[in-house]
């Protein structure tokens, strides 16, 4: 099950707008197909994908902790 949030373009501006928090993040292609999902510290996850990944879009859901982010990933 997808996060159900709007896609944002995966660019430096978007990475800079990510909260300094843990969360679950989905990375998608230009058609909105989810390429992969991850749980972790949001700015780090986005920077890594921007630098090394293939995604062109991103969406995330903030979590209260690393454990909460991992549970959200399992539930999605």
PDB file of N, CA and C in Angstrom:
ATOM      1  N   UNK A   1       0.836  -1.178   0.000  1.00  0.00           N
ATOM      2  CA  UNK A   1       0.000   0.000   0.000  1.00  0.00           C
ATOM      3  C   UNK A   1       0.887   1.249   0.000  1.00  0.00           C
ATOM      4  N   UNK A   2       0.607   2.145  -0.893  1.00  0.00           N
ATOM      5  CA  UNK A   2       1.400   3.371  -1.019  1.00  0.00           C
ATOM      6  C   UNK A   2       1.062   4.352   0.103  1.00  0.00           C
ATOM      7  N   UNK A   3       1.898   5.347   0.263  1.00  0.00           N
ATOM      8  CA  UNK A   3       1.703   6.335   1.320  1.00  0.00           C
ATOM      9  C   UNK A   3       0.481   7.217   1.088  1.00  0.00           C
ATOM     10  N   UNK A   4       0.055   7.387  -0.145  1.00  0.00           N
ATOM     11  CA  UNK A   4      -1.137   8.183  -0.416  1.00  0.00           C
ATOM     12  C   UNK A   4      -0.904   9.683  -0.308  1.00  0.00           C
ATOM     13  N   UNK A   5       0.325  10.104  -0.426  1.00  0.00           N
ATOM     14  CA  UNK A   5       0.654  11.528  -0.405  1.00  0.00           C
ATOM     15  C   UNK A   5       1.042  11.953  -1.818  1.00  0.00           C
ATOM     16  N   UNK A   6       1.033  13.251  -2.040  1.00  0.00           N
ATOM     17  CA  UNK A   6       1.416  13.773  -3.354  1.00  0.00           C
ATOM     18  C   UNK A   6       2.912  13.601  -3.575  1.00  0.00           C
ATOM     19  N   UNK A   7       3.248  13.308  -4.810  1.00  0.00           N
ATOM     20  CA  UNK A   7       4.652  13.229  -5.193  1.00  0.00           C
ATOM     21  C   UNK A   7       5.248  14.635  -5.245  1.00  0.00           C
ATOM     22  N   UNK A   8       6.522  14.728  -4.904  1.00  0.00           N
ATOM     23  CA  UNK A   8       7.300  15.956  -5.052  1.00  0.00           C
ATOM     24  C   UNK A   8       8.479  15.622  -5.953  1.00  0.00           C
ATOM     25  N   UNK A   9       8.942  16.584  -6.744  1.00  0.00           N
ATOM     26  CA  UNK A   9      10.121  16.301  -7.569  1.00  0.00           C
ATOM     27  C   UNK A   9      11.340  16.074  -6.671  1.00  0.00           C
ATOM     28  N   UNK A  10      12.139  15.093  -7.014  1.00  0.00           N
ATOM     29  CA  UNK A  10      13.350  14.821  -6.244  1.00  0.00           C
ATOM     30  C   UNK A  10      14.452  15.736  -6.774  1.00  0.00           C
ATOM     31  N   UNK A  11      14.615  16.851  -6.092  1.00  0.00           N
ATOM     32  CA  UNK A  11      15.617  17.845  -6.446  1.00  0.00           C
ATOM     33  C   UNK A  11      16.165  18.453  -5.165  1.00  0.00           C
ATOM     34  N   UNK A  12      17.212  19.246  -5.297  1.00  0.00           N
ATOM     35  CA  UNK A  12      17.876  19.804  -4.110  1.00  0.00           C
ATOM     36  C   UNK A  12      16.916  20.604  -3.226  1.00  0.00           C
ATOM     37  N   UNK A  13      16.021  21.346  -3.851  1.00  0.00           N
ATOM     38  CA  UNK A  13      15.063  22.145  -3.083  1.00  0.00           C
ATOM     39  C   UNK A  13      14.174  21.251  -2.206  1.00  0.00           C
ATOM     40  N   UNK A  14      13.740  20.138  -2.753  1.00  0.00           N
ATOM     41  CA  UNK A  14      12.897  19.203  -2.004  1.00  0.00           C
ATOM     42  C   UNK A  14      13.678  18.580  -0.858  1.00  0.00           C
ATOM     43  N   UNK A  15      14.905  18.194  -1.133  1.00  0.00           N
ATOM     44  CA  UNK A  15      15.754  17.619  -0.087  1.00  0.00           C
ATOM     45  C   UNK A  15      15.926  18.627   1.044  1.00  0.00           C
ATOM     46  N   UNK A  16      16.124  19.884   0.711  1.00  0.00           N
ATOM     47  CA  UNK A  16      16.290  20.928   1.716  1.00  0.00           C
ATOM     48  C   UNK A  16      15.038  21.193   2.526  1.00  0.00           C
ATOM     49  N   UNK A  17      13.872  20.836   1.977  1.00  0.00           N
ATOM     50  CA  UNK A  17      12.614  21.067   2.689  1.00  0.00           C
ATOM     51  C   UNK A  17      12.201  19.899   3.578  1.00  0.00           C
ATOM     52  N   UNK A  18      12.923  18.803   3.503  1.00  0.00           N
ATOM     53  CA  UNK A  18      12.585  17.630   4.324  1.00  0.00           C
ATOM     54  C   UNK A  18      12.841  17.936   5.799  1.00  0.00           C
ATOM     55  N   UNK A  19      11.945  17.509   6.678  1.00  0.00           N
ATOM     56  CA  UNK A  19      12.156  17.759   8.106  1.00  0.00           C
ATOM     57  C   UNK A  19      13.322  16.939   8.652  1.00  0.00           C
ATOM     58  N   UNK A  20      13.985  17.455   9.652  1.00  0.00           N
ATOM     59  CA  UNK A  20      15.048  16.718  10.339  1.00  0.00           C
ATOM     60  C   UNK A  20      14.391  15.713  11.283  1.00  0.00           C
ATOM     61  N   UNK A  21      13.903  14.639  10.686  1.00  0.00           N
ATOM     62  CA  UNK A  21      13.149  13.643  11.442  1.00  0.00           C
ATOM     63  C   UNK A  21      13.262  12.294  10.745  1.00  0.00           C
ATOM     64  N   UNK A  22      12.928  11.263  11.480  1.00  0.00           N
ATOM     65  CA  UNK A  22      12.828   9.935  10.885  1.00  0.00           C
ATOM     66  C   UNK A  22      11.490   9.810  10.186  1.00  0.00           C
ATOM     67  N   UNK A  23      11.448   8.910   9.230  1.00  0.00           N
ATOM     68  CA  UNK A  23      10.197   8.677   8.527  1.00  0.00           C
ATOM     69  C   UNK A  23      10.342   7.548   7.538  1.00  0.00           C
ATOM     70  N   UNK A  24       9.247   7.310   6.818  1.00  0.00           N
ATOM     71  CA  UNK A  24       9.257   6.357   5.720  1.00  0.00           C
ATOM     72  C   UNK A  24       9.143   7.167   4.443  1.00  0.00           C
ATOM     73  N   UNK A  25       9.892   6.770   3.449  1.00  0.00           N
ATOM     74  CA  UNK A  25       9.958   7.524   2.199  1.00  0.00           C
ATOM     75  C   UNK A  25       9.775   6.572   1.020  1.00  0.00           C
ATOM     76  N   UNK A  26       9.040   7.039   0.015  1.00  0.00           N
ATOM     77  CA  UNK A  26       8.873   6.292  -1.227  1.00  0.00           C
ATOM     78  C   UNK A  26       9.515   7.091  -2.350  1.00  0.00           C
ATOM     79  N   UNK A  27      10.248   6.388  -3.192  1.00  0.00           N
ATOM     80  CA  UNK A  27      10.881   6.997  -4.356  1.00  0.00           C
ATOM     81  C   UNK A  27      10.191   6.462  -5.600  1.00  0.00           C
ATOM     82  N   UNK A  28       9.854   7.371  -6.521  1.00  0.00           N
ATOM     83  CA  UNK A  28       9.127   6.963  -7.705  1.00  0.00           C
ATOM     84  C   UNK A  28       9.760   7.462  -8.986  1.00  0.00           C
ATOM     85  N   UNK A  29       9.301   6.863 -10.083  1.00  0.00           N
ATOM     86  CA  UNK A  29       9.752   7.306 -11.401  1.00  0.00           C
ATOM     87  C   UNK A  29       8.826   8.402 -11.912  1.00  0.00           C
ATOM     88  N   UNK A  30       9.036   8.840 -13.128  1.00  0.00           N
ATOM     89  CA  UNK A  30       8.255   9.921 -13.698  1.00  0.00           C
ATOM     90  C   UNK A  30       6.788   9.615 -13.867  1.00  0.00           C
ATOM     91  N   UNK A  31       6.428   8.332 -13.894  1.00  0.00           N
ATOM     92  CA  UNK A  31       5.028   7.916 -14.043  1.00  0.00           C
ATOM     93  C   UNK A  31       4.322   7.720 -12.708  1.00  0.00           C
ATOM     94  N   UNK A  32       5.046   7.857 -11.603  1.00  0.00           N
ATOM     95  CA  UNK A  32       4.449   7.670 -10.286  1.00  0.00           C
ATOM     96  C   UNK A  32       4.492   6.238  -9.786  1.00  0.00           C
ATOM     97  N   UNK A  33       5.271   5.402 -10.438  1.00  0.00           N
ATOM     98  CA  UNK A  33       5.458   4.032  -9.985  1.00  0.00           C
ATOM     99  C   UNK A  33       6.507   4.019  -8.871  1.00  0.00           C
ATOM    100  N   UNK A  34       6.194   3.385  -7.764  1.00  0.00           N
ATOM    101  CA  UNK A  34       7.140   3.306  -6.644  1.00  0.00           C
ATOM    102  C   UNK A  34       8.296   2.398  -7.037  1.00  0.00           C
ATOM    103  N   UNK A  35       9.497   2.949  -6.985  1.00  0.00           N
ATOM    104  CA  UNK A  35      10.704   2.173  -7.286  1.00  0.00           C
ATOM    105  C   UNK A  35      11.234   1.468  -6.052  1.00  0.00           C
ATOM    106  N   UNK A  36      11.168   2.163  -4.926  1.00  0.00           N
ATOM    107  CA  UNK A  36      11.598   1.560  -3.658  1.00  0.00           C
ATOM    108  C   UNK A  36      11.082   2.407  -2.510  1.00  0.00           C
ATOM    109  N   UNK A  37      11.096   1.809  -1.339  1.00  0.00           N
ATOM    110  CA  UNK A  37      10.694   2.503  -0.111  1.00  0.00           C
ATOM    111  C   UNK A  37      11.760   2.230   0.942  1.00  0.00           C
ATOM    112  N   UNK A  38      11.906   3.177   1.855  1.00  0.00           N
ATOM    113  CA  UNK A  38      12.923   3.037   2.900  1.00  0.00           C
ATOM    114  C   UNK A  38      12.446   3.727   4.166  1.00  0.00           C
ATOM    115  N   UNK A  39      13.015   3.315   5.285  1.00  0.00           N
ATOM    116  CA  UNK A  39      12.782   3.970   6.571  1.00  0.00           C
ATOM    117  C   UNK A  39      14.119   4.494   7.048  1.00  0.00           C
ATOM    118  N   UNK A  40      14.128   5.714   7.546  1.00  0.00           N
ATOM    119  CA  UNK A  40      15.373   6.273   8.038  1.00  0.00           C
ATOM    120  C   UNK A  40      15.245   7.751   8.307  1.00  0.00           C
ATOM    121  N   UNK A  41      16.395   8.405   8.456  1.00  0.00           N
ATOM    122  CA  UNK A  41      16.434   9.843   8.676  1.00  0.00           C
ATOM    123  C   UNK A  41      16.174  10.510   7.326  1.00  0.00           C
ATOM    124  N   UNK A  42      15.089  11.233   7.215  1.00  0.00           N
ATOM    125  CA  UNK A  42      14.595  11.711   5.924  1.00  0.00           C
ATOM    126  C   UNK A  42      15.636  12.471   5.099  1.00  0.00           C
ATOM    127  N   UNK A  43      16.312  13.487   5.639  1.00  0.00           N
ATOM    128  CA  UNK A  43      17.289  14.196   4.799  1.00  0.00           C
ATOM    129  C   UNK A  43      18.375  13.278   4.235  1.00  0.00           C
ATOM    130  N   UNK A  44      18.842  12.331   5.036  1.00  0.00           N
ATOM    131  CA  UNK A  44      19.878  11.409   4.570  1.00  0.00           C
ATOM    132  C   UNK A  44      19.364  10.512   3.453  1.00  0.00           C
ATOM    133  N   UNK A  45      18.152   9.985   3.620  1.00  0.00           N
ATOM    134  CA  UNK A  45      17.570   9.116   2.597  1.00  0.00           C
ATOM    135  C   UNK A  45      17.396   9.865   1.278  1.00  0.00           C
ATOM    136  N   UNK A  46      16.913  11.090   1.351  1.00  0.00           N
ATOM    137  CA  UNK A  46      16.684  11.876   0.141  1.00  0.00           C
ATOM    138  C   UNK A  46      17.998  12.256  -0.533  1.00  0.00           C
ATOM    139  N   UNK A  47      18.992  12.669   0.247  1.00  0.00           N
ATOM    140  CA  UNK A  47      20.299  13.031  -0.332  1.00  0.00           C
ATOM    141  C   UNK A  47      20.930  11.838  -1.040  1.00  0.00           C
ATOM    142  N   UNK A  48      20.845  10.678  -0.421  1.00  0.00           N
ATOM    143  CA  UNK A  48      21.442   9.485  -1.015  1.00  0.00           C
ATOM    144  C   UNK A  48      20.765   9.149  -2.343  1.00  0.00           C
ATOM    145  N   UNK A  49      19.437   9.196  -2.368  1.00  0.00           N
ATOM    146  CA  UNK A  49      18.722   8.882  -3.608  1.00  0.00           C
ATOM    147  C   UNK A  49      19.015   9.925  -4.682  1.00  0.00           C
ATOM    148  N   UNK A  50      19.060  11.182  -4.311  1.00  0.00           N
ATOM    149  CA  UNK A  50      19.358  12.243  -5.272  1.00  0.00           C
ATOM    150  C   UNK A  50      20.743  12.043  -5.881  1.00  0.00           C
ATOM    151  N   UNK A  51      21.692  11.620  -5.080  1.00  0.00           N
ATOM    152  CA  UNK A  51      23.066  11.448  -5.549  1.00  0.00           C
ATOM    153  C   UNK A  51      23.285  10.162  -6.338  1.00  0.00           C
ATOM    154  N   UNK A  52      22.663   9.070  -5.892  1.00  0.00           N
ATOM    155  CA  UNK A  52      23.011   7.763  -6.453  1.00  0.00           C
ATOM    156  C   UNK A  52      21.840   6.984  -7.057  1.00  0.00           C
ATOM    157  N   UNK A  53      20.618   7.425  -6.826  1.00  0.00           N
ATOM    158  CA  UNK A  53      19.468   6.643  -7.253  1.00  0.00           C
ATOM    159  C   UNK A  53      18.932   7.032  -8.610  1.00  0.00           C
ATOM    160  N   UNK A  54      17.831   6.390  -8.967  1.00  0.00           N
ATOM    161  CA  UNK A  54      17.196   6.584 -10.264  1.00  0.00           C
ATOM    162  C   UNK A  54      15.862   7.317 -10.157  1.00  0.00           C
ATOM    163  N   UNK A  55      15.393   7.568  -8.967  1.00  0.00           N
ATOM    164  CA  UNK A  55      14.060   8.157  -8.780  1.00  0.00           C
ATOM    165  C   UNK A  55      14.023   9.604  -9.253  1.00  0.00           C
ATOM    166  N   UNK A  56      12.841  10.013  -9.710  1.00  0.00           N
ATOM    167  CA  UNK A  56      12.643  11.419 -10.092  1.00  0.00           C
ATOM    168  C   UNK A  56      11.616  12.099  -9.190  1.00  0.00           C
ATOM    169  N   UNK A  57      10.930  11.294  -8.354  1.00  0.00           N
ATOM    170  CA  UNK A  57       9.921  11.834  -7.447  1.00  0.00           C
ATOM    171  C   UNK A  57      10.063  11.197  -6.072  1.00  0.00           C
ATOM    172  N   UNK A  58       9.506  11.889  -5.079  1.00  0.00           N
ATOM    173  CA  UNK A  58       9.606  11.394  -3.711  1.00  0.00           C
ATOM    174  C   UNK A  58       8.373  11.820  -2.917  1.00  0.00           C
ATOM    175  N   UNK A  59       8.046  11.036  -1.919  1.00  0.00           N
ATOM    176  CA  UNK A  59       7.029  11.412  -0.929  1.00  0.00           C
ATOM    177  C   UNK A  59       7.406  10.714   0.372  1.00  0.00           C
ATOM    178  N   UNK A  60       6.990  11.323   1.481  1.00  0.00           N
ATOM    179  CA  UNK A  60       7.372  10.759   2.775  1.00  0.00           C
ATOM    180  C   UNK A  60       6.296  10.986   3.817  1.00  0.00           C
ATOM    181  N   UNK A  61       6.436  10.211   4.896  1.00  0.00           N
ATOM    182  CA  UNK A  61       5.585  10.366   6.075  1.00  0.00           C
ATOM    183  C   UNK A  61       6.508  10.408   7.278  1.00  0.00           C
ATOM    184  N   UNK A  62       6.363  11.431   8.058  1.00  0.00           N
ATOM    185  CA  UNK A  62       7.206  11.635   9.240  1.00  0.00           C
ATOM    186  C   UNK A  62       6.853  10.609  10.317  1.00  0.00           C
ATOM    187  N   UNK A  63       7.866  10.209  11.090  1.00  0.00           N
ATOM    188  CA  UNK A  63       7.686   9.259  12.186  1.00  0.00           C
ATOM    189  C   UNK A  63       8.222   9.877  13.475  1.00  0.00           C
ATOM    190  N   UNK A  64       7.870   9.268  14.585  1.00  0.00           N
ATOM    191  CA  UNK A  64       8.306   9.751  15.893  1.00  0.00           C
ATOM    192  C   UNK A  64       9.718   9.286  16.258  1.00  0.00           C
ATOM    193  N   UNK A  65      10.159   8.176  15.667  1.00  0.00           N
ATOM    194  CA  UNK A  65      11.466   7.610  15.988  1.00  0.00           C
ATOM    195  C   UNK A  65      11.878   6.659  14.865  1.00  0.00           C
ATOM    196  N   UNK A  66      13.096   6.144  14.960  1.00  0.00           N
ATOM    197  CA  UNK A  66      13.564   5.161  13.974  1.00  0.00           C
ATOM    198  C   UNK A  66      12.683   3.909  14.012  1.00  0.00           C
ATOM    199  N   UNK A  67      12.355   3.440  15.218  1.00  0.00           N
ATOM    200  CA  UNK A  67      11.502   2.254  15.348  1.00  0.00           C
ATOM    201  C   UNK A  67      10.125   2.498  14.731  1.00  0.00           C
ATOM    202  N   UNK A  68       9.563   3.668  14.978  1.00  0.00           N
ATOM    203  CA  UNK A  68       8.261   4.007  14.409  1.00  0.00           C
ATOM    204  C   UNK A  68       8.346   4.034  12.884  1.00  0.00           C
ATOM    205  N   UNK A  69       9.421   4.580  12.321  1.00  0.00           N
ATOM    206  CA  UNK A  69       9.605   4.611  10.869  1.00  0.00           C
ATOM    207  C   UNK A  69       9.665   3.199  10.298  1.00  0.00           C
ATOM    208  N   UNK A  70      10.356   2.310  10.985  1.00  0.00           N
ATOM    209  CA  UNK A  70      10.450   0.930  10.511  1.00  0.00           C
ATOM    210  C   UNK A  70       9.093   0.230  10.561  1.00  0.00           C
ATOM    211  N   UNK A  71       8.293   0.521  11.595  1.00  0.00           N
ATOM    212  CA  UNK A  71       6.945  -0.051  11.667  1.00  0.00           C
ATOM    213  C   UNK A  71       6.071   0.484  10.540  1.00  0.00           C
ATOM    214  N   UNK A  72       6.173   1.783  10.258  1.00  0.00           N
ATOM    215  CA  UNK A  72       5.406   2.367   9.152  1.00  0.00           C
ATOM    216  C   UNK A  72       5.778   1.726   7.819  1.00  0.00           C
ATOM    217  N   UNK A  73       7.048   1.445   7.628  1.00  0.00           N
ATOM    218  CA  UNK A  73       7.493   0.799   6.395  1.00  0.00           C
ATOM    219  C   UNK A  73       6.889  -0.594   6.276  1.00  0.00           C
ATOM    220  N   UNK A  74       6.891  -1.332   7.361  1.00  0.00           N
ATOM    221  CA  UNK A  74       6.304  -2.675   7.349  1.00  0.00           C
ATOM    222  C   UNK A  74       4.803  -2.655   7.061  1.00  0.00           C
ATOM    223  N   UNK A  75       4.120  -1.605   7.539  1.00  0.00           N
ATOM    224  CA  UNK A  75       2.671  -1.506   7.381  1.00  0.00           C
ATOM    225  C   UNK A  75       2.251  -1.031   5.996  1.00  0.00           C
ATOM    226  N   UNK A  76       3.129  -0.382   5.284  1.00  0.00           N
ATOM    227  CA  UNK A  76       2.720   0.206   3.997  1.00  0.00           C
ATOM    228  C   UNK A  76       2.473  -0.799   2.923  1.00  0.00           C
TER     229      UNK A  76
END
